[in-house]
């Protein structure tokens, strides 16, 4: 089931895919066809940006790291790796919520659109994740001394927003 463009020009046939590189679904890039779940892929990319603090596509990053999805998607399936790739500004979010968020991202970034969740399911899962609370025993005061280094990130200047201002402390994953 394809999605029709909002403004169709009679006699005009588009022969190539257009869009913002890094956000377009693989099926659109490869065939020019959009499907109902093509947008879910783009949402997955935006959520990966939120999780890592990096832009979707950045030519200033080293080879193999220019595409955020190609670089980080393999790491989303393991909790130990998710801990290492999250933006340090997200350290105050509940680990259970972060891991469920990473799993949702991974589902959204499936190459086959049939394997991505429909938007209705995506929203339900995201709402459930937002209700996960920080365990009071694991809640620690925010301090630069208690933050661990972010091992997979080459430089804070490559982060979204430059990485200069930490997020306010939060006890839920209110995205």
N, C-alpha and C. Protein backbone atom coordinates (compact mmCIF):
# COMPACT_ATOMS: atom_id res chain seq x y z
N UNK A 1 0.85 -1.17 0.00
CA UNK A 1 0.00 0.00 0.00
C UNK A 1 0.89 1.23 0.00
N UNK A 2 0.91 1.99 -1.05
CA UNK A 2 1.74 3.17 -1.15
C UNK A 2 1.04 4.42 -0.66
N UNK A 3 1.83 5.40 -0.29
CA UNK A 3 1.30 6.68 0.15
C UNK A 3 1.37 7.64 -1.04
N UNK A 4 0.27 8.31 -1.35
CA UNK A 4 0.24 9.23 -2.48
C UNK A 4 0.69 10.61 -2.02
N UNK A 5 1.43 11.34 -2.86
CA UNK A 5 1.85 12.69 -2.49
C UNK A 5 0.65 13.62 -2.33
N UNK A 6 0.77 14.58 -1.41
CA UNK A 6 -0.32 15.52 -1.15
C UNK A 6 -0.60 16.41 -2.36
N UNK A 7 0.46 16.83 -3.05
CA UNK A 7 0.28 17.70 -4.22
C UNK A 7 0.77 16.95 -5.45
N UNK A 8 -0.12 16.45 -6.23
CA UNK A 8 0.25 15.73 -7.45
C UNK A 8 0.22 16.70 -8.63
N UNK A 9 1.25 16.67 -9.42
CA UNK A 9 1.33 17.52 -10.60
C UNK A 9 1.05 16.63 -11.81
N UNK A 10 -0.02 16.93 -12.57
CA UNK A 10 -0.35 16.10 -13.74
C UNK A 10 0.81 16.02 -14.72
N UNK A 11 1.12 14.82 -15.16
CA UNK A 11 2.18 14.64 -16.14
C UNK A 11 3.58 14.58 -15.55
N UNK A 12 3.72 14.78 -14.25
CA UNK A 12 5.04 14.76 -13.62
C UNK A 12 5.25 13.41 -12.96
N UNK A 13 6.35 12.79 -13.26
CA UNK A 13 6.70 11.52 -12.65
C UNK A 13 8.06 11.64 -11.99
N UNK A 14 8.10 11.41 -10.69
CA UNK A 14 9.35 11.52 -9.96
C UNK A 14 10.16 10.24 -10.17
N UNK A 15 11.39 10.35 -10.59
CA UNK A 15 12.23 9.19 -10.90
C UNK A 15 13.23 8.87 -9.80
N UNK A 16 13.28 9.68 -8.74
CA UNK A 16 14.26 9.45 -7.69
C UNK A 16 13.65 9.82 -6.34
N UNK A 17 14.21 9.25 -5.29
CA UNK A 17 13.74 9.53 -3.94
C UNK A 17 14.31 10.86 -3.46
N UNK A 18 13.50 11.61 -2.76
CA UNK A 18 13.95 12.86 -2.16
C UNK A 18 13.64 12.81 -0.67
N UNK A 19 14.39 13.55 0.10
CA UNK A 19 14.16 13.57 1.54
C UNK A 19 15.44 13.91 2.26
N UNK A 20 15.36 13.97 3.55
CA UNK A 20 16.52 14.29 4.37
C UNK A 20 17.32 13.02 4.61
N UNK A 21 18.57 13.02 4.17
CA UNK A 21 19.40 11.83 4.32
C UNK A 21 19.58 11.49 5.79
N UNK A 22 19.45 10.24 6.10
CA UNK A 22 19.57 9.78 7.47
C UNK A 22 18.23 9.45 8.10
N UNK A 23 17.15 10.04 7.56
CA UNK A 23 15.81 9.81 8.12
C UNK A 23 14.92 8.97 7.21
N UNK A 24 15.23 8.94 5.94
CA UNK A 24 14.38 8.22 4.98
C UNK A 24 14.51 6.72 5.16
N UNK A 25 13.39 6.03 5.06
CA UNK A 25 13.36 4.58 5.20
C UNK A 25 14.09 3.91 4.03
N UNK A 26 14.72 2.77 4.29
CA UNK A 26 15.48 2.09 3.23
C UNK A 26 14.65 1.77 1.99
N UNK A 27 13.39 1.39 2.17
CA UNK A 27 12.56 1.05 1.01
C UNK A 27 12.30 2.27 0.15
N UNK A 28 12.25 3.43 0.74
CA UNK A 28 12.05 4.66 -0.02
C UNK A 28 13.32 5.02 -0.79
N UNK A 29 14.45 4.89 -0.13
CA UNK A 29 15.73 5.20 -0.79
C UNK A 29 15.97 4.24 -1.95
N UNK A 30 15.65 2.96 -1.75
CA UNK A 30 15.93 1.95 -2.77
C UNK A 30 14.93 1.92 -3.92
N UNK A 31 13.67 2.22 -3.64
CA UNK A 31 12.64 2.07 -4.68
C UNK A 31 11.85 3.33 -4.98
N UNK A 32 11.89 4.30 -4.07
CA UNK A 32 11.08 5.50 -4.24
C UNK A 32 9.65 5.31 -3.75
N UNK A 33 9.33 4.13 -3.22
CA UNK A 33 7.99 3.85 -2.73
C UNK A 33 7.89 4.11 -1.23
N UNK A 34 6.81 4.77 -0.85
CA UNK A 34 6.53 5.00 0.56
C UNK A 34 5.43 4.05 1.01
N UNK A 35 5.53 3.60 2.24
CA UNK A 35 4.53 2.72 2.82
C UNK A 35 4.04 3.34 4.13
N UNK A 36 2.96 2.82 4.66
CA UNK A 36 2.39 3.35 5.90
C UNK A 36 3.44 3.38 7.01
N UNK A 37 4.30 2.39 7.06
CA UNK A 37 5.28 2.32 8.14
C UNK A 37 6.63 2.95 7.79
N UNK A 38 6.71 3.63 6.66
CA UNK A 38 7.95 4.32 6.31
C UNK A 38 8.23 5.45 7.30
N UNK A 39 7.18 6.13 7.76
CA UNK A 39 7.36 7.20 8.73
C UNK A 39 7.85 6.68 10.08
N UNK A 40 7.48 5.45 10.41
CA UNK A 40 7.92 4.86 11.68
C UNK A 40 9.45 4.78 11.70
N UNK A 41 10.04 4.48 10.55
CA UNK A 41 11.51 4.44 10.46
C UNK A 41 12.09 5.81 10.82
N UNK A 42 11.53 6.86 10.25
CA UNK A 42 12.01 8.22 10.54
C UNK A 42 11.88 8.56 12.02
N UNK A 43 10.78 8.14 12.66
CA UNK A 43 10.62 8.35 14.09
C UNK A 43 11.70 7.59 14.86
N UNK A 44 12.03 6.40 14.40
CA UNK A 44 13.10 5.63 15.05
C UNK A 44 14.43 6.36 14.99
N UNK A 45 14.71 7.01 13.87
CA UNK A 45 15.95 7.77 13.73
C UNK A 45 15.95 8.95 14.71
N UNK A 46 14.83 9.66 14.81
CA UNK A 46 14.74 10.80 15.73
C UNK A 46 14.93 10.32 17.18
N UNK A 47 14.34 9.19 17.52
CA UNK A 47 14.50 8.65 18.88
C UNK A 47 15.95 8.23 19.12
N UNK A 48 16.62 7.70 18.10
CA UNK A 48 18.03 7.34 18.24
C UNK A 48 18.87 8.59 18.47
N UNK A 49 18.52 9.69 17.82
CA UNK A 49 19.20 10.96 18.07
C UNK A 49 19.02 11.38 19.53
N UNK A 50 17.80 11.23 20.05
CA UNK A 50 17.54 11.58 21.45
C UNK A 50 18.34 10.70 22.40
N UNK A 51 18.40 9.42 22.11
CA UNK A 51 19.10 8.48 22.97
C UNK A 51 20.60 8.74 23.01
N UNK A 52 21.18 9.04 21.86
CA UNK A 52 22.64 9.17 21.76
C UNK A 52 23.15 10.61 21.84
N UNK A 53 22.31 11.55 21.46
CA UNK A 53 22.74 12.94 21.42
C UNK A 53 23.45 13.32 20.13
N UNK A 54 23.43 12.44 19.14
CA UNK A 54 24.08 12.69 17.86
C UNK A 54 23.08 12.95 16.75
N UNK A 55 23.54 13.64 15.71
CA UNK A 55 22.72 13.89 14.52
C UNK A 55 22.63 12.61 13.70
N UNK A 56 21.57 12.50 12.91
CA UNK A 56 21.34 11.30 12.11
C UNK A 56 22.44 11.06 11.08
N UNK A 57 22.97 12.11 10.53
CA UNK A 57 23.99 11.99 9.50
C UNK A 57 24.96 13.13 9.67
N UNK A 58 26.24 12.81 9.77
CA UNK A 58 27.25 13.84 10.03
C UNK A 58 28.55 13.45 9.35
N UNK A 59 28.89 14.18 8.29
CA UNK A 59 30.11 13.90 7.53
C UNK A 59 31.39 14.21 8.30
N UNK A 60 31.28 14.96 9.40
CA UNK A 60 32.48 15.27 10.17
C UNK A 60 32.88 14.12 11.10
N UNK A 61 32.01 13.10 11.23
CA UNK A 61 32.38 11.94 12.05
C UNK A 61 33.27 11.02 11.22
N UNK A 62 34.05 10.17 11.91
CA UNK A 62 34.94 9.24 11.20
C UNK A 62 34.18 8.26 10.30
N UNK A 63 34.87 7.70 9.33
CA UNK A 63 34.29 6.71 8.43
C UNK A 63 33.66 5.59 9.25
N UNK A 64 32.48 5.16 8.86
CA UNK A 64 31.76 4.13 9.58
C UNK A 64 30.85 4.67 10.67
N UNK A 65 30.97 5.98 10.94
CA UNK A 65 30.15 6.61 11.97
C UNK A 65 29.32 7.77 11.42
N UNK A 66 29.39 8.00 10.11
CA UNK A 66 28.65 9.12 9.54
C UNK A 66 27.14 8.91 9.63
N UNK A 67 26.66 7.68 9.46
CA UNK A 67 25.25 7.36 9.57
C UNK A 67 25.00 6.82 10.98
N UNK A 68 24.20 7.55 11.74
CA UNK A 68 23.92 7.16 13.12
C UNK A 68 23.27 5.78 13.19
N UNK A 69 22.35 5.49 12.28
CA UNK A 69 21.67 4.20 12.29
C UNK A 69 22.65 3.07 12.04
N UNK A 70 23.49 3.20 11.03
CA UNK A 70 24.47 2.15 10.73
C UNK A 70 25.45 1.96 11.88
N UNK A 71 25.81 3.04 12.53
CA UNK A 71 26.79 3.02 13.60
C UNK A 71 26.24 2.38 14.87
N UNK A 72 25.04 2.78 15.26
CA UNK A 72 24.51 2.38 16.57
C UNK A 72 23.46 1.28 16.58
N UNK A 73 22.77 1.03 15.48
CA UNK A 73 21.71 0.01 15.49
C UNK A 73 22.20 -1.33 16.04
N UNK A 74 23.39 -1.81 15.68
CA UNK A 74 23.82 -3.11 16.21
C UNK A 74 23.97 -3.14 17.74
N UNK A 75 24.12 -2.00 18.35
CA UNK A 75 24.34 -1.93 19.80
C UNK A 75 23.03 -1.87 20.60
N UNK A 76 21.91 -1.62 19.94
CA UNK A 76 20.65 -1.43 20.65
C UNK A 76 20.08 -2.70 21.26
N UNK A 77 20.52 -3.85 20.81
CA UNK A 77 19.93 -5.10 21.30
C UNK A 77 20.55 -5.60 22.60
N UNK A 78 21.65 -5.00 23.05
CA UNK A 78 22.31 -5.45 24.27
C UNK A 78 22.30 -4.35 25.32
N UNK A 79 21.72 -4.66 26.50
CA UNK A 79 21.62 -3.68 27.58
C UNK A 79 22.97 -3.09 27.96
N UNK A 80 24.00 -3.92 28.00
CA UNK A 80 25.33 -3.43 28.40
C UNK A 80 25.87 -2.41 27.40
N UNK A 81 25.53 -2.59 26.12
CA UNK A 81 25.99 -1.64 25.10
C UNK A 81 25.13 -0.38 25.10
N UNK A 82 23.83 -0.53 25.38
CA UNK A 82 22.94 0.64 25.44
C UNK A 82 23.44 1.59 26.51
N UNK A 83 23.87 1.05 27.64
CA UNK A 83 24.40 1.89 28.73
C UNK A 83 25.57 2.75 28.26
N UNK A 84 26.36 2.20 27.34
CA UNK A 84 27.56 2.90 26.87
C UNK A 84 27.26 3.93 25.78
N UNK A 85 26.13 3.78 25.06
CA UNK A 85 25.88 4.68 23.94
C UNK A 85 24.93 5.82 24.27
N UNK A 86 24.28 5.78 25.43
CA UNK A 86 23.33 6.85 25.73
C UNK A 86 24.05 8.17 25.97
N UNK A 87 23.39 9.21 25.59
CA UNK A 87 23.87 10.56 25.84
C UNK A 87 24.00 10.71 27.36
N UNK A 88 25.14 11.17 27.87
CA UNK A 88 25.31 11.30 29.32
C UNK A 88 24.22 12.15 29.98
N UNK A 89 23.58 13.02 29.20
CA UNK A 89 22.50 13.82 29.76
C UNK A 89 21.28 12.97 30.08
N UNK A 90 21.26 11.72 29.61
CA UNK A 90 20.13 10.82 29.89
C UNK A 90 20.44 9.86 31.05
N UNK A 91 21.57 10.02 31.70
CA UNK A 91 21.94 9.15 32.80
C UNK A 91 20.93 9.16 33.94
N UNK A 92 20.18 10.22 34.07
CA UNK A 92 19.23 10.34 35.17
C UNK A 92 17.89 9.65 34.89
N UNK A 93 17.72 9.13 33.70
CA UNK A 93 16.48 8.43 33.36
C UNK A 93 16.56 6.99 33.85
N UNK A 94 15.41 6.39 34.15
CA UNK A 94 15.42 5.01 34.65
C UNK A 94 16.03 4.04 33.64
N UNK A 95 16.97 3.20 34.07
CA UNK A 95 17.59 2.24 33.15
C UNK A 95 16.57 1.34 32.45
N UNK A 96 15.53 0.92 33.16
CA UNK A 96 14.49 0.09 32.54
C UNK A 96 13.83 0.84 31.39
N UNK A 97 13.54 2.12 31.60
CA UNK A 97 12.93 2.94 30.55
C UNK A 97 13.86 3.13 29.37
N UNK A 98 15.13 3.36 29.65
CA UNK A 98 16.13 3.54 28.58
C UNK A 98 16.21 2.27 27.74
N UNK A 99 16.24 1.11 28.39
CA UNK A 99 16.34 -0.16 27.65
C UNK A 99 15.09 -0.42 26.81
N UNK A 100 13.92 -0.13 27.35
CA UNK A 100 12.68 -0.31 26.58
C UNK A 100 12.64 0.69 25.42
N UNK A 101 13.13 1.89 25.65
CA UNK A 101 13.22 2.91 24.61
C UNK A 101 14.14 2.41 23.49
N UNK A 102 15.28 1.84 23.86
CA UNK A 102 16.22 1.30 22.87
C UNK A 102 15.58 0.17 22.07
N UNK A 103 14.80 -0.68 22.72
CA UNK A 103 14.13 -1.78 22.02
C UNK A 103 13.09 -1.25 21.04
N UNK A 104 12.37 -0.20 21.44
CA UNK A 104 11.40 0.42 20.54
C UNK A 104 12.11 1.02 19.33
N UNK A 105 13.22 1.68 19.56
CA UNK A 105 14.01 2.25 18.46
C UNK A 105 14.42 1.14 17.49
N UNK A 106 14.92 0.06 18.04
CA UNK A 106 15.37 -1.06 17.21
C UNK A 106 14.23 -1.61 16.36
N UNK A 107 13.04 -1.72 16.92
CA UNK A 107 11.88 -2.18 16.15
C UNK A 107 11.53 -1.20 15.03
N UNK A 108 11.63 0.09 15.32
CA UNK A 108 11.31 1.11 14.31
C UNK A 108 12.32 1.14 13.17
N UNK A 109 13.54 0.73 13.44
CA UNK A 109 14.61 0.79 12.44
C UNK A 109 14.79 -0.50 11.66
N UNK A 110 13.81 -1.39 11.70
CA UNK A 110 13.88 -2.63 10.92
C UNK A 110 13.90 -2.28 9.43
N UNK A 111 14.70 -2.99 8.67
CA UNK A 111 14.78 -2.72 7.23
C UNK A 111 13.47 -3.02 6.50
N UNK A 112 12.78 -4.06 6.91
CA UNK A 112 11.52 -4.43 6.28
C UNK A 112 10.38 -3.69 6.99
N UNK A 113 9.62 -2.86 6.27
CA UNK A 113 8.56 -2.09 6.92
C UNK A 113 7.51 -2.96 7.61
N UNK A 114 7.33 -4.20 7.15
CA UNK A 114 6.36 -5.10 7.77
C UNK A 114 6.76 -5.47 9.20
N UNK A 115 8.05 -5.37 9.50
CA UNK A 115 8.55 -5.72 10.84
C UNK A 115 8.56 -4.54 11.81
N UNK A 116 8.21 -3.34 11.32
CA UNK A 116 8.13 -2.17 12.19
C UNK A 116 6.75 -2.11 12.84
N UNK A 117 6.67 -1.55 14.04
CA UNK A 117 5.34 -1.45 14.66
C UNK A 117 4.49 -0.41 13.94
N UNK A 118 3.18 -0.62 13.88
CA UNK A 118 2.33 0.45 13.34
C UNK A 118 2.39 1.65 14.29
N UNK A 119 2.10 2.83 13.78
CA UNK A 119 2.20 4.05 14.60
C UNK A 119 1.33 3.96 15.85
N UNK A 120 0.17 3.33 15.76
CA UNK A 120 -0.71 3.21 16.93
C UNK A 120 -0.02 2.41 18.04
N UNK A 121 0.65 1.33 17.68
CA UNK A 121 1.38 0.52 18.67
C UNK A 121 2.59 1.29 19.20
N UNK A 122 3.29 1.97 18.30
CA UNK A 122 4.44 2.80 18.68
C UNK A 122 4.04 3.79 19.78
N UNK A 123 2.91 4.46 19.60
CA UNK A 123 2.46 5.45 20.58
C UNK A 123 2.10 4.82 21.92
N UNK A 124 1.45 3.67 21.89
CA UNK A 124 1.09 2.97 23.13
C UNK A 124 2.36 2.58 23.90
N UNK A 125 3.35 2.03 23.20
CA UNK A 125 4.60 1.63 23.84
C UNK A 125 5.32 2.84 24.40
N UNK A 126 5.38 3.92 23.65
CA UNK A 126 6.06 5.13 24.11
C UNK A 126 5.36 5.69 25.35
N UNK A 127 4.04 5.65 25.38
CA UNK A 127 3.31 6.12 26.57
C UNK A 127 3.63 5.24 27.78
N UNK A 128 3.70 3.93 27.60
CA UNK A 128 4.05 3.02 28.70
C UNK A 128 5.46 3.31 29.21
N UNK A 129 6.39 3.53 28.29
CA UNK A 129 7.77 3.83 28.68
C UNK A 129 7.81 5.11 29.51
N UNK A 130 7.00 6.09 29.14
CA UNK A 130 7.02 7.38 29.84
C UNK A 130 6.52 7.28 31.27
N UNK A 131 5.84 6.18 31.63
CA UNK A 131 5.35 6.02 32.99
C UNK A 131 6.33 5.30 33.91
N UNK A 132 7.42 4.80 33.35
CA UNK A 132 8.42 4.09 34.17
C UNK A 132 9.11 5.10 35.08
N UNK A 133 9.14 4.79 36.34
CA UNK A 133 9.71 5.68 37.35
C UNK A 133 11.09 5.21 37.77
N UNK A 134 11.88 6.17 38.22
CA UNK A 134 13.20 5.88 38.75
C UNK A 134 13.04 5.18 40.09
N UNK A 135 13.79 4.13 40.30
CA UNK A 135 13.82 3.44 41.59
C UNK A 135 14.49 4.38 42.59
N UNK A 136 13.84 4.72 43.71
CA UNK A 136 14.43 5.67 44.67
C UNK A 136 15.81 5.24 45.16
N UNK A 137 16.08 3.94 45.25
CA UNK A 137 17.39 3.46 45.70
C UNK A 137 18.48 3.77 44.70
N UNK A 138 18.14 3.80 43.40
CA UNK A 138 19.15 4.05 42.38
C UNK A 138 19.24 5.52 41.98
N UNK A 139 18.35 6.35 42.54
CA UNK A 139 18.37 7.77 42.23
C UNK A 139 19.54 8.43 42.94
N UNK A 140 20.39 9.06 42.18
CA UNK A 140 21.58 9.71 42.74
C UNK A 140 21.56 11.19 42.36
N UNK A 141 22.16 12.01 43.20
CA UNK A 141 22.23 13.43 42.83
C UNK A 141 23.08 13.62 41.59
N UNK A 142 22.70 14.59 40.79
CA UNK A 142 23.44 14.88 39.57
C UNK A 142 24.73 15.60 39.92
N UNK A 143 25.85 15.08 39.44
CA UNK A 143 27.14 15.69 39.71
C UNK A 143 28.10 15.30 38.61
N UNK A 144 28.96 16.20 38.21
CA UNK A 144 29.92 15.89 37.16
C UNK A 144 30.89 14.82 37.63
N UNK A 145 31.11 14.71 38.95
CA UNK A 145 32.04 13.70 39.46
C UNK A 145 31.45 12.29 39.38
N UNK A 146 30.12 12.18 39.42
CA UNK A 146 29.51 10.85 39.40
C UNK A 146 29.21 10.37 37.99
N UNK A 147 29.35 11.22 37.00
CA UNK A 147 29.06 10.82 35.62
C UNK A 147 30.21 10.01 35.06
N UNK A 148 29.87 8.96 34.36
CA UNK A 148 30.89 8.14 33.73
C UNK A 148 31.20 8.71 32.35
N UNK A 149 32.39 8.46 31.85
CA UNK A 149 32.69 8.92 30.49
C UNK A 149 31.83 8.18 29.49
N UNK A 150 31.55 8.81 28.40
CA UNK A 150 30.71 8.23 27.36
C UNK A 150 31.62 7.63 26.32
N UNK A 151 31.89 6.34 26.42
CA UNK A 151 32.95 5.69 25.68
C UNK A 151 32.79 5.64 24.16
N UNK A 152 31.57 5.64 23.64
CA UNK A 152 31.39 5.52 22.20
C UNK A 152 31.33 6.86 21.48
N UNK A 153 31.38 7.95 22.19
CA UNK A 153 31.23 9.27 21.57
C UNK A 153 32.57 9.93 21.36
N UNK A 154 32.88 10.31 20.13
CA UNK A 154 34.18 10.90 19.83
C UNK A 154 34.40 12.28 20.44
N UNK A 155 33.38 13.11 20.49
CA UNK A 155 33.57 14.47 20.97
C UNK A 155 32.23 15.10 21.30
N UNK A 156 32.14 15.86 22.41
CA UNK A 156 30.87 16.50 22.74
C UNK A 156 30.44 17.52 21.70
N UNK A 157 31.35 18.02 20.89
CA UNK A 157 30.98 19.02 19.88
C UNK A 157 30.19 18.40 18.75
N UNK A 158 30.20 17.08 18.63
CA UNK A 158 29.45 16.41 17.58
C UNK A 158 28.03 16.08 18.01
N UNK A 159 27.68 16.41 19.23
CA UNK A 159 26.35 16.12 19.76
C UNK A 159 25.33 17.11 19.25
N UNK A 160 24.07 16.72 19.35
CA UNK A 160 22.99 17.64 19.06
C UNK A 160 23.08 18.79 20.06
N UNK A 161 22.98 19.98 19.62
CA UNK A 161 23.03 21.13 20.52
C UNK A 161 24.41 21.36 21.10
N UNK A 162 25.44 20.71 20.60
CA UNK A 162 26.80 20.93 21.07
C UNK A 162 27.12 20.25 22.37
N UNK A 163 26.15 19.69 23.06
CA UNK A 163 26.41 18.98 24.29
C UNK A 163 26.81 19.86 25.44
N UNK A 164 26.54 21.16 25.37
CA UNK A 164 27.05 22.07 26.38
C UNK A 164 26.17 22.18 27.61
N UNK A 165 24.87 21.96 27.48
CA UNK A 165 24.02 22.13 28.66
C UNK A 165 23.35 20.82 29.03
N UNK A 166 23.53 20.37 30.28
CA UNK A 166 22.92 19.12 30.69
C UNK A 166 21.41 19.26 30.79
N UNK A 167 20.70 18.15 30.60
CA UNK A 167 19.26 18.16 30.76
C UNK A 167 18.92 18.25 32.23
N UNK A 168 17.74 18.81 32.55
CA UNK A 168 17.35 18.84 33.95
C UNK A 168 17.13 17.42 34.46
N UNK A 169 17.33 17.24 35.74
CA UNK A 169 17.16 15.93 36.35
C UNK A 169 15.72 15.50 36.24
N UNK A 170 15.51 14.25 35.86
CA UNK A 170 14.14 13.75 35.68
C UNK A 170 14.01 12.40 36.37
N UNK A 171 12.81 12.10 36.82
CA UNK A 171 12.56 10.82 37.47
C UNK A 171 11.69 9.91 36.63
N UNK A 172 11.21 10.38 35.50
CA UNK A 172 10.48 9.53 34.58
C UNK A 172 11.08 9.73 33.21
N UNK A 173 10.80 8.84 32.34
CA UNK A 173 11.26 8.97 30.97
C UNK A 173 10.19 9.69 30.18
N UNK A 174 9.95 10.96 30.54
CA UNK A 174 8.89 11.74 29.90
C UNK A 174 9.35 12.32 28.60
N UNK A 175 9.16 11.56 27.54
CA UNK A 175 9.64 12.01 26.21
C UNK A 175 8.57 12.74 25.49
